ModelCIF file with pLDDT and N, C-alpha, C, O atoms, coordinates in Angstrom:
data_MODEL
#
_entry.id   MODEL 
#
_entity.id                         1 
_entity.type                       polymer 
_entity.pdbx_number_of_molecules   1 
#
_entity_poly.entity_id                      1 
_entity_poly.type                           'polypeptide(L)' 
_entity_poly.nstd_linkage                   no 
_entity_poly.nstd_monomer                   no 
_entity_poly.pdbx_seq_one_letter_code       
;(UNK)(UNK)(UNK)(UNK)(UNK)(UNK)(UNK)(UNK)(UNK)(UNK)(UNK)(UNK)(UNK)(UNK)(UNK)(UNK)
(UNK)(UNK)(UNK)(UNK)(UNK)(UNK)(UNK)(UNK)(UNK)(UNK)(UNK)(UNK)(UNK)(UNK)(UNK)
;
_entity_poly.pdbx_seq_one_letter_code_can   XXXXXXXXXXXXXXXXXXXXXXXXXXXXXXX 
_entity_poly.pdbx_strand_id                 A 
#
loop_
_entity_poly_seq.entity_id 
_entity_poly_seq.num 
_entity_poly_seq.mon_id 
_entity_poly_seq.hetero 
1 1  UNK n 
1 2  UNK n 
1 3  UNK n 
1 4  UNK n 
1 5  UNK n 
1 6  UNK n 
1 7  UNK n 
1 8  UNK n 
1 9  UNK n 
1 10 UNK n 
1 11 UNK n 
1 12 UNK n 
1 13 UNK n 
1 14 UNK n 
1 15 UNK n 
1 16 UNK n 
1 17 UNK n 
1 18 UNK n 
1 19 UNK n 
1 20 UNK n 
1 21 UNK n 
1 22 UNK n 
1 23 UNK n 
1 24 UNK n 
1 25 UNK n 
1 26 UNK n 
1 27 UNK n 
1 28 UNK n 
1 29 UNK n 
1 30 UNK n 
1 31 UNK n 
#
_struct_asym.id          A 
_struct_asym.entity_id   1 
#
loop_
_ma_qa_metric.id 
_ma_qa_metric.mode 
_ma_qa_metric.name 
_ma_qa_metric.software_group_id 
_ma_qa_metric.type 
1 global pLDDT . pLDDT 
2 local  pLDDT . pLDDT 
#
_ma_qa_metric_global.metric_id      1 
_ma_qa_metric_global.metric_value   96.55 
_ma_qa_metric_global.model_id       1 
_ma_qa_metric_global.ordinal_id     1 
#
loop_
_ma_qa_metric_local.label_asym_id 
_ma_qa_metric_local.label_comp_id 
_ma_qa_metric_local.label_seq_id 
_ma_qa_metric_local.metric_id 
_ma_qa_metric_local.metric_value 
_ma_qa_metric_local.model_id 
_ma_qa_metric_local.ordinal_id 
A UNK 1  2 98.00 1 1  
A UNK 2  2 98.00 1 2  
A UNK 3  2 98.00 1 3  
A UNK 4  2 98.00 1 4  
A UNK 5  2 97.00 1 5  
A UNK 6  2 98.00 1 6  
A UNK 7  2 98.00 1 7  
A UNK 8  2 98.00 1 8  
A UNK 9  2 98.00 1 9  
A UNK 10 2 98.00 1 10 
A UNK 11 2 98.00 1 11 
A UNK 12 2 98.00 1 12 
A UNK 13 2 98.00 1 13 
A UNK 14 2 98.00 1 14 
A UNK 15 2 98.00 1 15 
A UNK 16 2 98.00 1 16 
A UNK 17 2 97.00 1 17 
A UNK 18 2 98.00 1 18 
A UNK 19 2 97.00 1 19 
A UNK 20 2 95.00 1 20 
A UNK 21 2 94.00 1 21 
A UNK 22 2 92.00 1 22 
A UNK 23 2 92.00 1 23 
A UNK 24 2 92.00 1 24 
A UNK 25 2 94.00 1 25 
A UNK 26 2 96.00 1 26 
A UNK 27 2 95.00 1 27 
A UNK 28 2 95.00 1 28 
A UNK 29 2 96.00 1 29 
A UNK 30 2 97.00 1 30 
A UNK 31 2 96.00 1 31 
#
loop_
_atom_site.group_PDB 
_atom_site.id 
_atom_site.type_symbol 
_atom_site.label_atom_id 
_atom_site.label_alt_id 
_atom_site.label_comp_id 
_atom_site.label_asym_id 
_atom_site.label_entity_id 
_atom_site.label_seq_id 
_atom_site.pdbx_PDB_ins_code 
_atom_site.Cartn_x 
_atom_site.Cartn_y 
_atom_site.Cartn_z 
_atom_site.occupancy 
_atom_site.B_iso_or_equiv 
_atom_site.pdbx_formal_charge 
_atom_site.auth_seq_id 
_atom_site.auth_comp_id 
_atom_site.auth_asym_id 
_atom_site.auth_atom_id 
_atom_site.pdbx_PDB_model_num 
ATOM 1   N N  . UNK A 1 1  ? 76.997 145.322 223.492 1.00 98.00 ? 1  UNK A N  1 
ATOM 2   C CA . UNK A 1 1  ? 77.940 145.568 224.564 1.00 98.00 ? 1  UNK A CA 1 
ATOM 3   C C  . UNK A 1 1  ? 79.215 145.172 223.813 1.00 98.00 ? 1  UNK A C  1 
ATOM 4   O O  . UNK A 1 1  ? 79.272 144.132 223.157 1.00 98.00 ? 1  UNK A O  1 
ATOM 5   N N  . UNK A 1 2  ? 80.295 146.079 223.935 1.00 98.00 ? 2  UNK A N  1 
ATOM 6   C CA . UNK A 1 2  ? 81.621 145.616 223.306 1.00 98.00 ? 2  UNK A CA 1 
ATOM 7   C C  . UNK A 1 2  ? 82.677 145.866 224.214 1.00 98.00 ? 2  UNK A C  1 
ATOM 8   O O  . UNK A 1 2  ? 82.450 146.531 225.224 1.00 98.00 ? 2  UNK A O  1 
ATOM 9   N N  . UNK A 1 3  ? 83.821 145.407 223.974 1.00 98.00 ? 3  UNK A N  1 
ATOM 10  C CA . UNK A 1 3  ? 85.042 145.679 224.918 1.00 98.00 ? 3  UNK A CA 1 
ATOM 11  C C  . UNK A 1 3  ? 85.294 147.195 224.945 1.00 98.00 ? 3  UNK A C  1 
ATOM 12  O O  . UNK A 1 3  ? 84.943 147.929 224.021 1.00 98.00 ? 3  UNK A O  1 
ATOM 13  N N  . UNK A 1 4  ? 85.878 147.595 225.976 1.00 98.00 ? 4  UNK A N  1 
ATOM 14  C CA . UNK A 1 4  ? 86.164 149.003 226.147 1.00 98.00 ? 4  UNK A CA 1 
ATOM 15  C C  . UNK A 1 4  ? 86.812 149.542 225.054 1.00 98.00 ? 4  UNK A C  1 
ATOM 16  O O  . UNK A 1 4  ? 87.576 148.821 224.413 1.00 98.00 ? 4  UNK A O  1 
ATOM 17  N N  . UNK A 1 5  ? 86.620 150.779 224.713 1.00 97.00 ? 5  UNK A N  1 
ATOM 18  C CA . UNK A 1 5  ? 87.152 151.382 223.594 1.00 97.00 ? 5  UNK A CA 1 
ATOM 19  C C  . UNK A 1 5  ? 86.586 151.137 222.167 1.00 97.00 ? 5  UNK A C  1 
ATOM 20  O O  . UNK A 1 5  ? 87.053 151.728 221.194 1.00 97.00 ? 5  UNK A O  1 
ATOM 21  N N  . UNK A 1 6  ? 85.658 150.328 222.083 1.00 98.00 ? 6  UNK A N  1 
ATOM 22  C CA . UNK A 1 6  ? 85.223 149.727 220.802 1.00 98.00 ? 6  UNK A CA 1 
ATOM 23  C C  . UNK A 1 6  ? 83.811 150.230 220.409 1.00 98.00 ? 6  UNK A C  1 
ATOM 24  O O  . UNK A 1 6  ? 83.296 149.879 219.348 1.00 98.00 ? 6  UNK A O  1 
ATOM 25  N N  . UNK A 1 7  ? 83.187 151.068 221.296 1.00 98.00 ? 7  UNK A N  1 
ATOM 26  C CA . UNK A 1 7  ? 81.776 151.403 220.994 1.00 98.00 ? 7  UNK A CA 1 
ATOM 27  C C  . UNK A 1 7  ? 81.585 152.345 219.889 1.00 98.00 ? 7  UNK A C  1 
ATOM 28  O O  . UNK A 1 7  ? 80.541 152.266 219.241 1.00 98.00 ? 7  UNK A O  1 
ATOM 29  N N  . UNK A 1 8  ? 82.537 153.298 219.569 1.00 98.00 ? 8  UNK A N  1 
ATOM 30  C CA . UNK A 1 8  ? 82.483 154.073 218.381 1.00 98.00 ? 8  UNK A CA 1 
ATOM 31  C C  . UNK A 1 8  ? 82.532 153.302 217.120 1.00 98.00 ? 8  UNK A C  1 
ATOM 32  O O  . UNK A 1 8  ? 81.776 153.504 216.171 1.00 98.00 ? 8  UNK A O  1 
ATOM 33  N N  . UNK A 1 9  ? 83.582 152.295 217.167 1.00 98.00 ? 9  UNK A N  1 
ATOM 34  C CA . UNK A 1 9  ? 83.742 151.549 215.784 1.00 98.00 ? 9  UNK A CA 1 
ATOM 35  C C  . UNK A 1 9  ? 82.561 150.701 215.507 1.00 98.00 ? 9  UNK A C  1 
ATOM 36  O O  . UNK A 1 9  ? 82.126 150.544 214.367 1.00 98.00 ? 9  UNK A O  1 
ATOM 37  N N  . UNK A 1 10 ? 81.987 150.094 216.683 1.00 98.00 ? 10 UNK A N  1 
ATOM 38  C CA . UNK A 1 10 ? 80.787 149.213 216.354 1.00 98.00 ? 10 UNK A CA 1 
ATOM 39  C C  . UNK A 1 10 ? 79.556 150.156 215.888 1.00 98.00 ? 10 UNK A C  1 
ATOM 40  O O  . UNK A 1 10 ? 78.869 149.817 214.924 1.00 98.00 ? 10 UNK A O  1 
ATOM 41  N N  . UNK A 1 11 ? 79.310 151.295 216.570 1.00 98.00 ? 11 UNK A N  1 
ATOM 42  C CA . UNK A 1 11 ? 78.376 152.224 216.181 1.00 98.00 ? 11 UNK A CA 1 
ATOM 43  C C  . UNK A 1 11 ? 78.394 152.586 214.718 1.00 98.00 ? 11 UNK A C  1 
ATOM 44  O O  . UNK A 1 11 ? 77.412 152.549 213.976 1.00 98.00 ? 11 UNK A O  1 
ATOM 45  N N  . UNK A 1 12 ? 79.612 152.937 214.388 1.00 98.00 ? 12 UNK A N  1 
ATOM 46  C CA . UNK A 1 12 ? 79.752 153.223 212.893 1.00 98.00 ? 12 UNK A CA 1 
ATOM 47  C C  . UNK A 1 12 ? 79.653 152.292 211.977 1.00 98.00 ? 12 UNK A C  1 
ATOM 48  O O  . UNK A 1 12 ? 79.317 152.533 210.817 1.00 98.00 ? 12 UNK A O  1 
ATOM 49  N N  . UNK A 1 13 ? 79.963 151.052 212.457 1.00 98.00 ? 13 UNK A N  1 
ATOM 50  C CA . UNK A 1 13 ? 79.702 149.832 211.573 1.00 98.00 ? 13 UNK A CA 1 
ATOM 51  C C  . UNK A 1 13 ? 78.289 149.695 211.499 1.00 98.00 ? 13 UNK A C  1 
ATOM 52  O O  . UNK A 1 13 ? 77.831 149.431 210.387 1.00 98.00 ? 13 UNK A O  1 
ATOM 53  N N  . UNK A 1 14 ? 77.475 149.824 212.493 1.00 98.00 ? 14 UNK A N  1 
ATOM 54  C CA . UNK A 1 14 ? 76.055 149.651 212.427 1.00 98.00 ? 14 UNK A CA 1 
ATOM 55  C C  . UNK A 1 14 ? 75.458 150.661 211.625 1.00 98.00 ? 14 UNK A C  1 
ATOM 56  O O  . UNK A 1 14 ? 74.537 150.399 210.852 1.00 98.00 ? 14 UNK A O  1 
ATOM 57  N N  . UNK A 1 15 ? 75.995 151.952 211.783 1.00 98.00 ? 15 UNK A N  1 
ATOM 58  C CA . UNK A 1 15 ? 75.389 153.015 211.004 1.00 98.00 ? 15 UNK A CA 1 
ATOM 59  C C  . UNK A 1 15 ? 75.396 153.097 209.652 1.00 98.00 ? 15 UNK A C  1 
ATOM 60  O O  . UNK A 1 15 ? 74.544 153.646 208.953 1.00 98.00 ? 15 UNK A O  1 
ATOM 61  N N  . UNK A 1 16 ? 76.683 152.365 209.191 1.00 98.00 ? 16 UNK A N  1 
ATOM 62  C CA . UNK A 1 16 ? 77.005 152.345 207.782 1.00 98.00 ? 16 UNK A CA 1 
ATOM 63  C C  . UNK A 1 16 ? 76.089 151.341 207.219 1.00 98.00 ? 16 UNK A C  1 
ATOM 64  O O  . UNK A 1 16 ? 75.629 151.502 206.088 1.00 98.00 ? 16 UNK A O  1 
ATOM 65  N N  . UNK A 1 17 ? 75.751 150.154 208.050 1.00 97.00 ? 17 UNK A N  1 
ATOM 66  C CA . UNK A 1 17 ? 74.862 149.293 207.537 1.00 97.00 ? 17 UNK A CA 1 
ATOM 67  C C  . UNK A 1 17 ? 73.342 149.810 207.413 1.00 97.00 ? 17 UNK A C  1 
ATOM 68  O O  . UNK A 1 17 ? 72.588 149.494 206.493 1.00 97.00 ? 17 UNK A O  1 
ATOM 69  N N  . UNK A 1 18 ? 73.058 150.542 208.343 1.00 98.00 ? 18 UNK A N  1 
ATOM 70  C CA . UNK A 1 18 ? 71.672 151.088 208.470 1.00 98.00 ? 18 UNK A CA 1 
ATOM 71  C C  . UNK A 1 18 ? 71.516 152.236 207.231 1.00 98.00 ? 18 UNK A C  1 
ATOM 72  O O  . UNK A 1 18 ? 70.419 152.460 206.720 1.00 98.00 ? 18 UNK A O  1 
ATOM 73  N N  . UNK A 1 19 ? 72.578 152.834 206.874 1.00 97.00 ? 19 UNK A N  1 
ATOM 74  C CA . UNK A 1 19 ? 72.443 153.853 205.844 1.00 97.00 ? 19 UNK A CA 1 
ATOM 75  C C  . UNK A 1 19 ? 72.219 153.115 204.550 1.00 97.00 ? 19 UNK A C  1 
ATOM 76  O O  . UNK A 1 19 ? 71.696 153.747 203.632 1.00 97.00 ? 19 UNK A O  1 
ATOM 77  N N  . UNK A 1 20 ? 72.520 151.969 204.383 1.00 95.00 ? 20 UNK A N  1 
ATOM 78  C CA . UNK A 1 20 ? 72.253 151.142 203.111 1.00 95.00 ? 20 UNK A CA 1 
ATOM 79  C C  . UNK A 1 20 ? 70.799 150.820 202.939 1.00 95.00 ? 20 UNK A C  1 
ATOM 80  O O  . UNK A 1 20 ? 70.433 150.445 201.825 1.00 95.00 ? 20 UNK A O  1 
ATOM 81  N N  . UNK A 1 21 ? 69.902 150.925 203.942 1.00 94.00 ? 21 UNK A N  1 
ATOM 82  C CA . UNK A 1 21 ? 68.549 150.579 203.870 1.00 94.00 ? 21 UNK A CA 1 
ATOM 83  C C  . UNK A 1 21 ? 67.700 151.513 202.985 1.00 94.00 ? 21 UNK A C  1 
ATOM 84  O O  . UNK A 1 21 ? 68.118 152.652 202.773 1.00 94.00 ? 21 UNK A O  1 
ATOM 85  N N  . UNK A 1 22 ? 66.683 151.152 202.524 1.00 92.00 ? 22 UNK A N  1 
ATOM 86  C CA . UNK A 1 22 ? 65.708 151.983 201.742 1.00 92.00 ? 22 UNK A CA 1 
ATOM 87  C C  . UNK A 1 22 ? 65.248 153.093 202.861 1.00 92.00 ? 22 UNK A C  1 
ATOM 88  O O  . UNK A 1 22 ? 64.707 152.835 203.936 1.00 92.00 ? 22 UNK A O  1 
ATOM 89  N N  . UNK A 1 23 ? 65.588 154.377 202.356 1.00 92.00 ? 23 UNK A N  1 
ATOM 90  C CA . UNK A 1 23 ? 65.175 155.540 203.163 1.00 92.00 ? 23 UNK A CA 1 
ATOM 91  C C  . UNK A 1 23 ? 63.952 155.505 203.780 1.00 92.00 ? 23 UNK A C  1 
ATOM 92  O O  . UNK A 1 23 ? 63.830 155.813 204.966 1.00 92.00 ? 23 UNK A O  1 
ATOM 93  N N  . UNK A 1 24 ? 62.923 155.118 203.010 1.00 92.00 ? 24 UNK A N  1 
ATOM 94  C CA . UNK A 1 24 ? 61.385 155.302 203.497 1.00 92.00 ? 24 UNK A CA 1 
ATOM 95  C C  . UNK A 1 24 ? 61.267 154.147 204.506 1.00 92.00 ? 24 UNK A C  1 
ATOM 96  O O  . UNK A 1 24 ? 60.449 154.320 205.410 1.00 92.00 ? 24 UNK A O  1 
ATOM 97  N N  . UNK A 1 25 ? 61.995 152.936 204.488 1.00 94.00 ? 25 UNK A N  1 
ATOM 98  C CA . UNK A 1 25 ? 61.828 151.875 205.421 1.00 94.00 ? 25 UNK A CA 1 
ATOM 99  C C  . UNK A 1 25 ? 62.427 152.461 206.847 1.00 94.00 ? 25 UNK A C  1 
ATOM 100 O O  . UNK A 1 25 ? 61.814 152.355 207.909 1.00 94.00 ? 25 UNK A O  1 
ATOM 101 N N  . UNK A 1 26 ? 63.605 153.041 206.721 1.00 96.00 ? 26 UNK A N  1 
ATOM 102 C CA . UNK A 1 26 ? 64.267 153.662 207.789 1.00 96.00 ? 26 UNK A CA 1 
ATOM 103 C C  . UNK A 1 26 ? 63.282 154.669 208.531 1.00 96.00 ? 26 UNK A C  1 
ATOM 104 O O  . UNK A 1 26 ? 63.127 154.721 209.751 1.00 96.00 ? 26 UNK A O  1 
ATOM 105 N N  . UNK A 1 27 ? 62.652 155.450 207.594 1.00 95.00 ? 27 UNK A N  1 
ATOM 106 C CA . UNK A 1 27 ? 61.722 156.428 208.149 1.00 95.00 ? 27 UNK A CA 1 
ATOM 107 C C  . UNK A 1 27 ? 60.590 155.800 208.888 1.00 95.00 ? 27 UNK A C  1 
ATOM 108 O O  . UNK A 1 27 ? 60.219 156.230 209.980 1.00 95.00 ? 27 UNK A O  1 
ATOM 109 N N  . UNK A 1 28 ? 60.059 154.812 208.306 1.00 95.00 ? 28 UNK A N  1 
ATOM 110 C CA . UNK A 1 28 ? 58.935 154.087 208.941 1.00 95.00 ? 28 UNK A CA 1 
ATOM 111 C C  . UNK A 1 28 ? 59.329 153.549 210.284 1.00 95.00 ? 28 UNK A C  1 
ATOM 112 O O  . UNK A 1 28 ? 58.617 153.675 211.281 1.00 95.00 ? 28 UNK A O  1 
ATOM 113 N N  . UNK A 1 29 ? 60.461 152.958 210.271 1.00 96.00 ? 29 UNK A N  1 
ATOM 114 C CA . UNK A 1 29 ? 60.981 152.266 211.682 1.00 96.00 ? 29 UNK A CA 1 
ATOM 115 C C  . UNK A 1 29 ? 61.134 153.490 212.796 1.00 96.00 ? 29 UNK A C  1 
ATOM 116 O O  . UNK A 1 29 ? 60.764 153.272 213.950 1.00 96.00 ? 29 UNK A O  1 
ATOM 117 N N  . UNK A 1 30 ? 61.611 154.604 212.479 1.00 97.00 ? 30 UNK A N  1 
ATOM 118 C CA . UNK A 1 30 ? 61.806 155.638 213.222 1.00 97.00 ? 30 UNK A CA 1 
ATOM 119 C C  . UNK A 1 30 ? 60.407 156.386 213.614 1.00 97.00 ? 30 UNK A C  1 
ATOM 120 O O  . UNK A 1 30 ? 60.215 156.760 214.771 1.00 97.00 ? 30 UNK A O  1 
ATOM 121 N N  . UNK A 1 31 ? 59.585 156.552 212.732 1.00 96.00 ? 31 UNK A N  1 
ATOM 122 C CA . UNK A 1 31 ? 58.357 157.408 213.079 1.00 96.00 ? 31 UNK A CA 1 
ATOM 123 C C  . UNK A 1 31 ? 57.103 156.571 213.232 1.00 96.00 ? 31 UNK A C  1 
ATOM 124 O O  . UNK A 1 31 ? 56.032 157.109 213.510 1.00 96.00 ? 31 UNK A O  1 
#
């Protein structure tokens, strides 16, 4: 939960961090 107007920036920050993970680990967490 972030202040109004900041959801996209926080989501992009998290997605950029997630994108650095090992792809197979991300796949395992999703599937």
